Amino acid sequence: MKTPKKSHQRYTTSFKLAAVRLAEHKDIQTQDVAVALDIHPFMLSRWKKEYREGILKGVAEKDTKVMEEKVIEQSKIRKLEKRMKKLEQENELLKKSISWASKRDKIPTNS
């Protein structure tokens, strides 16, 4: 039984250039751009390399506002997830600390 061939998504040069420009922004991570645009991070990294080497040339899409909004949203989500993880760890530590302190207070002393 043959497995169906996967169709490969073709991206326009202007889309690639817009993605590269977003990924090269100093406050935006390549990972965020890739997730927001639903492309693999390695593909975006390859496009960035091709752009640096002069292989990828042309004009970026004019209306990149939607792309930018998606990337900014993804960046915000990543920051919030990171903060949430830190807060969850702190909460767990506090729970353990309270549990340890309450157990210590219940131990009878020989005074």
N, C-alpha and C. Protein backbone atom coordinates (compact mmCIF):
# COMPACT_ATOMS: atom_id res chain seq x y z
N MET A 1 0.84 -1.18 0.00
CA MET A 1 0.00 0.00 0.00
C MET A 1 0.88 1.24 0.00
N LYS A 2 0.66 2.11 -0.92
CA LYS A 2 1.45 3.34 -1.04
C LYS A 2 0.94 4.39 -0.06
N THR A 3 1.89 5.07 0.54
CA THR A 3 1.51 6.19 1.40
C THR A 3 1.36 7.43 0.53
N PRO A 4 0.38 8.26 0.85
CA PRO A 4 0.20 9.47 0.03
C PRO A 4 1.38 10.42 0.20
N LYS A 5 1.77 11.02 -0.90
CA LYS A 5 2.89 11.97 -0.85
C LYS A 5 2.45 13.24 -0.15
N LYS A 6 3.35 13.75 0.63
CA LYS A 6 3.06 15.02 1.29
C LYS A 6 3.29 16.15 0.30
N SER A 7 2.36 17.07 0.27
CA SER A 7 2.55 18.21 -0.62
C SER A 7 3.41 19.24 0.12
N HIS A 8 4.30 19.82 -0.59
CA HIS A 8 5.19 20.82 0.00
C HIS A 8 4.62 22.21 -0.24
N GLN A 9 4.64 22.98 0.81
CA GLN A 9 4.17 24.36 0.71
C GLN A 9 5.20 25.18 -0.04
N ARG A 10 4.77 25.92 -0.99
CA ARG A 10 5.65 26.82 -1.74
C ARG A 10 5.43 28.24 -1.23
N TYR A 11 6.50 28.91 -0.91
CA TYR A 11 6.41 30.28 -0.40
C TYR A 11 7.00 31.23 -1.43
N THR A 12 6.36 32.37 -1.57
CA THR A 12 6.86 33.35 -2.52
C THR A 12 8.13 33.99 -1.95
N THR A 13 8.92 34.52 -2.83
CA THR A 13 10.15 35.20 -2.41
C THR A 13 9.81 36.39 -1.52
N SER A 14 8.74 37.09 -1.83
CA SER A 14 8.38 38.25 -1.02
C SER A 14 7.96 37.82 0.39
N PHE A 15 7.30 36.66 0.51
CA PHE A 15 6.94 36.13 1.83
C PHE A 15 8.20 35.77 2.61
N LYS A 16 9.13 35.10 1.94
CA LYS A 16 10.39 34.71 2.58
C LYS A 16 11.14 35.94 3.09
N LEU A 17 11.22 36.96 2.25
CA LEU A 17 11.94 38.18 2.63
C LEU A 17 11.26 38.88 3.80
N ALA A 18 9.94 38.89 3.80
CA ALA A 18 9.22 39.51 4.92
C ALA A 18 9.47 38.74 6.21
N ALA A 19 9.48 37.41 6.12
CA ALA A 19 9.75 36.57 7.29
C ALA A 19 11.17 36.81 7.80
N VAL A 20 12.11 36.89 6.90
CA VAL A 20 13.52 37.14 7.28
C VAL A 20 13.65 38.50 7.96
N ARG A 21 13.01 39.51 7.41
CA ARG A 21 13.10 40.85 8.01
C ARG A 21 12.50 40.86 9.42
N LEU A 22 11.41 40.15 9.61
CA LEU A 22 10.81 40.06 10.94
C LEU A 22 11.74 39.31 11.90
N ALA A 23 12.35 38.24 11.42
CA ALA A 23 13.23 37.43 12.26
C ALA A 23 14.52 38.16 12.61
N GLU A 24 14.89 39.13 11.83
CA GLU A 24 16.12 39.86 12.10
C GLU A 24 15.91 41.06 13.03
N HIS A 25 14.67 41.28 13.42
CA HIS A 25 14.39 42.36 14.37
C HIS A 25 15.03 42.00 15.70
N LYS A 26 15.67 42.97 16.35
CA LYS A 26 16.46 42.69 17.55
C LYS A 26 15.63 42.19 18.73
N ASP A 27 14.35 42.53 18.81
CA ASP A 27 13.51 42.12 19.94
C ASP A 27 12.68 40.87 19.66
N ILE A 28 12.85 40.29 18.48
CA ILE A 28 12.01 39.16 18.09
C ILE A 28 12.90 37.94 17.82
N GLN A 29 12.52 36.81 18.38
CA GLN A 29 13.27 35.57 18.18
C GLN A 29 12.80 34.87 16.91
N THR A 30 13.74 34.20 16.26
CA THR A 30 13.42 33.45 15.05
C THR A 30 12.33 32.43 15.33
N GLN A 31 12.39 31.79 16.49
CA GLN A 31 11.40 30.79 16.88
C GLN A 31 9.99 31.38 16.89
N ASP A 32 9.85 32.61 17.41
CA ASP A 32 8.54 33.25 17.46
C ASP A 32 8.00 33.52 16.06
N VAL A 33 8.87 33.95 15.18
CA VAL A 33 8.46 34.22 13.80
C VAL A 33 8.00 32.92 13.14
N ALA A 34 8.79 31.86 13.32
CA ALA A 34 8.47 30.58 12.71
C ALA A 34 7.12 30.05 13.20
N VAL A 35 6.88 30.11 14.51
CA VAL A 35 5.62 29.61 15.05
C VAL A 35 4.45 30.46 14.56
N ALA A 36 4.63 31.77 14.58
CA ALA A 36 3.55 32.67 14.17
C ALA A 36 3.18 32.49 12.70
N LEU A 37 4.18 32.20 11.87
CA LEU A 37 3.93 32.06 10.43
C LEU A 37 3.70 30.60 10.02
N ASP A 38 3.72 29.70 11.01
CA ASP A 38 3.49 28.28 10.77
C ASP A 38 4.50 27.69 9.78
N ILE A 39 5.77 28.00 10.03
CA ILE A 39 6.85 27.42 9.24
C ILE A 39 7.87 26.82 10.20
N HIS A 40 8.68 25.91 9.71
CA HIS A 40 9.69 25.28 10.55
C HIS A 40 10.83 26.26 10.80
N PRO A 41 11.32 26.32 12.04
CA PRO A 41 12.43 27.25 12.35
C PRO A 41 13.67 27.04 11.48
N PHE A 42 13.96 25.77 11.13
CA PHE A 42 15.12 25.50 10.28
C PHE A 42 14.95 26.12 8.90
N MET A 43 13.71 26.11 8.39
CA MET A 43 13.44 26.70 7.09
C MET A 43 13.70 28.21 7.14
N LEU A 44 13.22 28.83 8.22
CA LEU A 44 13.43 30.27 8.37
C LEU A 44 14.92 30.58 8.51
N SER A 45 15.64 29.74 9.25
CA SER A 45 17.08 29.93 9.39
C SER A 45 17.79 29.81 8.04
N ARG A 46 17.32 28.87 7.22
CA ARG A 46 17.90 28.71 5.89
C ARG A 46 17.64 29.95 5.03
N TRP A 47 16.42 30.48 5.12
CA TRP A 47 16.11 31.70 4.37
C TRP A 47 16.99 32.86 4.82
N LYS A 48 17.22 32.95 6.14
CA LYS A 48 18.09 34.02 6.66
C LYS A 48 19.51 33.88 6.10
N LYS A 49 19.99 32.64 6.05
CA LYS A 49 21.33 32.38 5.51
C LYS A 49 21.38 32.74 4.03
N GLU A 50 20.36 32.33 3.29
CA GLU A 50 20.31 32.65 1.85
C GLU A 50 20.26 34.17 1.64
N TYR A 51 19.55 34.86 2.52
CA TYR A 51 19.47 36.32 2.41
C TYR A 51 20.85 36.95 2.67
N ARG A 52 21.53 36.48 3.73
CA ARG A 52 22.87 37.00 4.04
C ARG A 52 23.85 36.75 2.91
N GLU A 53 23.72 35.59 2.25
CA GLU A 53 24.64 35.23 1.17
C GLU A 53 24.26 35.86 -0.17
N GLY A 54 23.13 36.56 -0.19
CA GLY A 54 22.71 37.21 -1.43
C GLY A 54 21.96 36.30 -2.39
N ILE A 55 21.64 35.09 -1.96
CA ILE A 55 20.89 34.15 -2.80
C ILE A 55 19.42 34.55 -2.86
N LEU A 56 18.90 34.98 -1.73
CA LEU A 56 17.51 35.39 -1.63
C LEU A 56 17.44 36.90 -1.81
N LYS A 57 16.88 37.31 -2.96
CA LYS A 57 16.81 38.73 -3.29
C LYS A 57 15.39 39.09 -3.70
N GLY A 58 15.10 40.36 -3.63
CA GLY A 58 13.79 40.81 -4.06
C GLY A 58 13.21 41.82 -3.10
N VAL A 59 11.90 41.99 -3.19
CA VAL A 59 11.19 42.94 -2.35
C VAL A 59 10.24 42.18 -1.44
N ALA A 60 10.24 42.54 -0.17
CA ALA A 60 9.35 41.90 0.79
C ALA A 60 7.91 42.31 0.51
N GLU A 61 7.00 41.47 0.96
CA GLU A 61 5.58 41.79 0.81
C GLU A 61 5.31 43.16 1.40
N LYS A 62 4.49 43.92 0.71
CA LYS A 62 4.20 45.29 1.17
C LYS A 62 3.36 45.30 2.43
N ASP A 63 2.35 44.44 2.48
CA ASP A 63 1.45 44.43 3.62
C ASP A 63 1.88 43.35 4.61
N THR A 64 2.89 43.65 5.41
CA THR A 64 3.39 42.70 6.39
C THR A 64 2.78 42.95 7.76
N LYS A 65 1.80 43.83 7.84
CA LYS A 65 1.18 44.19 9.12
C LYS A 65 0.61 42.96 9.82
N VAL A 66 -0.09 42.11 9.09
CA VAL A 66 -0.69 40.91 9.68
C VAL A 66 0.42 39.98 10.19
N MET A 67 1.48 39.84 9.40
CA MET A 67 2.60 39.00 9.82
C MET A 67 3.23 39.55 11.09
N GLU A 68 3.43 40.85 11.13
CA GLU A 68 4.02 41.47 12.31
C GLU A 68 3.16 41.26 13.54
N GLU A 69 1.86 41.41 13.39
CA GLU A 69 0.94 41.23 14.51
C GLU A 69 1.00 39.80 15.05
N LYS A 70 1.06 38.83 14.14
CA LYS A 70 1.16 37.43 14.56
C LYS A 70 2.45 37.20 15.33
N VAL A 71 3.53 37.75 14.84
CA VAL A 71 4.83 37.56 15.48
C VAL A 71 4.86 38.23 16.86
N ILE A 72 4.32 39.41 16.95
CA ILE A 72 4.27 40.12 18.23
C ILE A 72 3.43 39.34 19.23
N GLU A 73 2.29 38.81 18.77
CA GLU A 73 1.45 37.98 19.63
C GLU A 73 2.21 36.76 20.13
N GLN A 74 2.92 36.10 19.22
CA GLN A 74 3.69 34.91 19.60
C GLN A 74 4.78 35.26 20.60
N SER A 75 5.40 36.38 20.40
CA SER A 75 6.44 36.84 21.33
C SER A 75 5.85 37.08 22.72
N LYS A 76 4.69 37.71 22.76
CA LYS A 76 4.01 37.95 24.04
C LYS A 76 3.64 36.63 24.71
N ILE A 77 3.15 35.69 23.93
CA ILE A 77 2.78 34.38 24.47
C ILE A 77 4.00 33.70 25.07
N ARG A 78 5.12 33.74 24.36
CA ARG A 78 6.35 33.11 24.86
C ARG A 78 6.77 33.74 26.18
N LYS A 79 6.72 35.06 26.27
CA LYS A 79 7.10 35.74 27.51
C LYS A 79 6.16 35.38 28.66
N LEU A 80 4.86 35.33 28.37
CA LEU A 80 3.89 34.98 29.40
C LEU A 80 4.05 33.53 29.86
N GLU A 81 4.34 32.63 28.91
CA GLU A 81 4.56 31.24 29.29
C GLU A 81 5.80 31.10 30.17
N LYS A 82 6.84 31.84 29.84
CA LYS A 82 8.06 31.82 30.64
C LYS A 82 7.78 32.34 32.05
N ARG A 83 7.04 33.43 32.14
CA ARG A 83 6.69 34.00 33.44
C ARG A 83 5.81 33.04 34.24
N MET A 84 4.85 32.42 33.56
CA MET A 84 3.97 31.48 34.23
C MET A 84 4.76 30.29 34.79
N LYS A 85 5.71 29.78 34.03
CA LYS A 85 6.53 28.66 34.50
C LYS A 85 7.32 29.06 35.74
N LYS A 86 7.88 30.26 35.73
CA LYS A 86 8.64 30.74 36.88
C LYS A 86 7.72 30.86 38.10
N LEU A 87 6.54 31.42 37.91
CA LEU A 87 5.60 31.57 39.02
C LEU A 87 5.12 30.22 39.55
N GLU A 88 4.93 29.26 38.66
CA GLU A 88 4.54 27.92 39.10
C GLU A 88 5.65 27.28 39.95
N GLN A 89 6.90 27.48 39.53
CA GLN A 89 8.03 26.95 40.30
C GLN A 89 8.11 27.61 41.67
N GLU A 90 7.92 28.92 41.70
CA GLU A 90 7.95 29.64 42.97
C GLU A 90 6.81 29.17 43.88
N ASN A 91 5.64 28.96 43.30
CA ASN A 91 4.49 28.49 44.06
C ASN A 91 4.77 27.10 44.65
N GLU A 92 5.34 26.22 43.86
CA GLU A 92 5.69 24.88 44.33
C GLU A 92 6.69 24.96 45.48
N LEU A 93 7.66 25.83 45.35
CA LEU A 93 8.67 26.01 46.39
C LEU A 93 8.03 26.52 47.68
N LEU A 94 7.12 27.46 47.55
CA LEU A 94 6.41 27.98 48.72
C LEU A 94 5.57 26.89 49.39
N LYS A 95 4.90 26.07 48.61
CA LYS A 95 4.11 24.98 49.17
C LYS A 95 5.00 24.03 49.97
N LYS A 96 6.15 23.67 49.40
CA LYS A 96 7.08 22.78 50.09
C LYS A 96 7.59 23.42 51.37
N SER A 97 7.89 24.69 51.28
CA SER A 97 8.39 25.41 52.45
C SER A 97 7.35 25.46 53.56
N ILE A 98 6.12 25.73 53.23
CA ILE A 98 5.03 25.77 54.21
C ILE A 98 4.82 24.39 54.82
N SER A 99 4.84 23.36 53.98
CA SER A 99 4.67 21.99 54.45
C SER A 99 5.80 21.62 55.41
N TRP A 100 7.02 21.94 55.04
CA TRP A 100 8.17 21.64 55.89
C TRP A 100 8.07 22.38 57.22
N ALA A 101 7.70 23.66 57.18
CA ALA A 101 7.59 24.46 58.39
C ALA A 101 6.48 23.94 59.31
N SER A 102 5.36 23.53 58.72
CA SER A 102 4.26 23.04 59.56
C SER A 102 4.62 21.70 60.20
N LYS A 103 5.35 20.86 59.51
CA LYS A 103 5.81 19.58 60.07
C LYS A 103 6.81 19.83 61.19
N ARG A 104 7.68 20.79 61.01
CA ARG A 104 8.69 21.12 62.01
C ARG A 104 8.04 21.64 63.29
N ASP A 105 6.98 22.43 63.14
CA ASP A 105 6.29 22.99 64.30
C ASP A 105 5.55 21.92 65.10
N LYS A 106 5.18 20.80 64.44
CA LYS A 106 4.43 19.74 65.12
C LYS A 106 5.34 18.79 65.91
N ILE A 107 6.62 18.82 65.66
CA ILE A 107 7.56 17.94 66.36
C ILE A 107 7.68 18.41 67.81
N PRO A 108 7.41 17.51 68.76
CA PRO A 108 7.51 17.92 70.18
C PRO A 108 8.96 18.16 70.57
N THR A 109 9.16 19.14 71.40
CA THR A 109 10.50 19.45 71.86
C THR A 109 10.63 19.00 73.31
N ASN A 110 11.80 18.67 73.72
CA ASN A 110 12.06 18.23 75.09
C ASN A 110 12.60 19.40 75.92
N SER A 111 11.83 20.42 76.07
CA SER A 111 12.32 21.54 76.86
C SER A 111 11.60 21.63 78.19
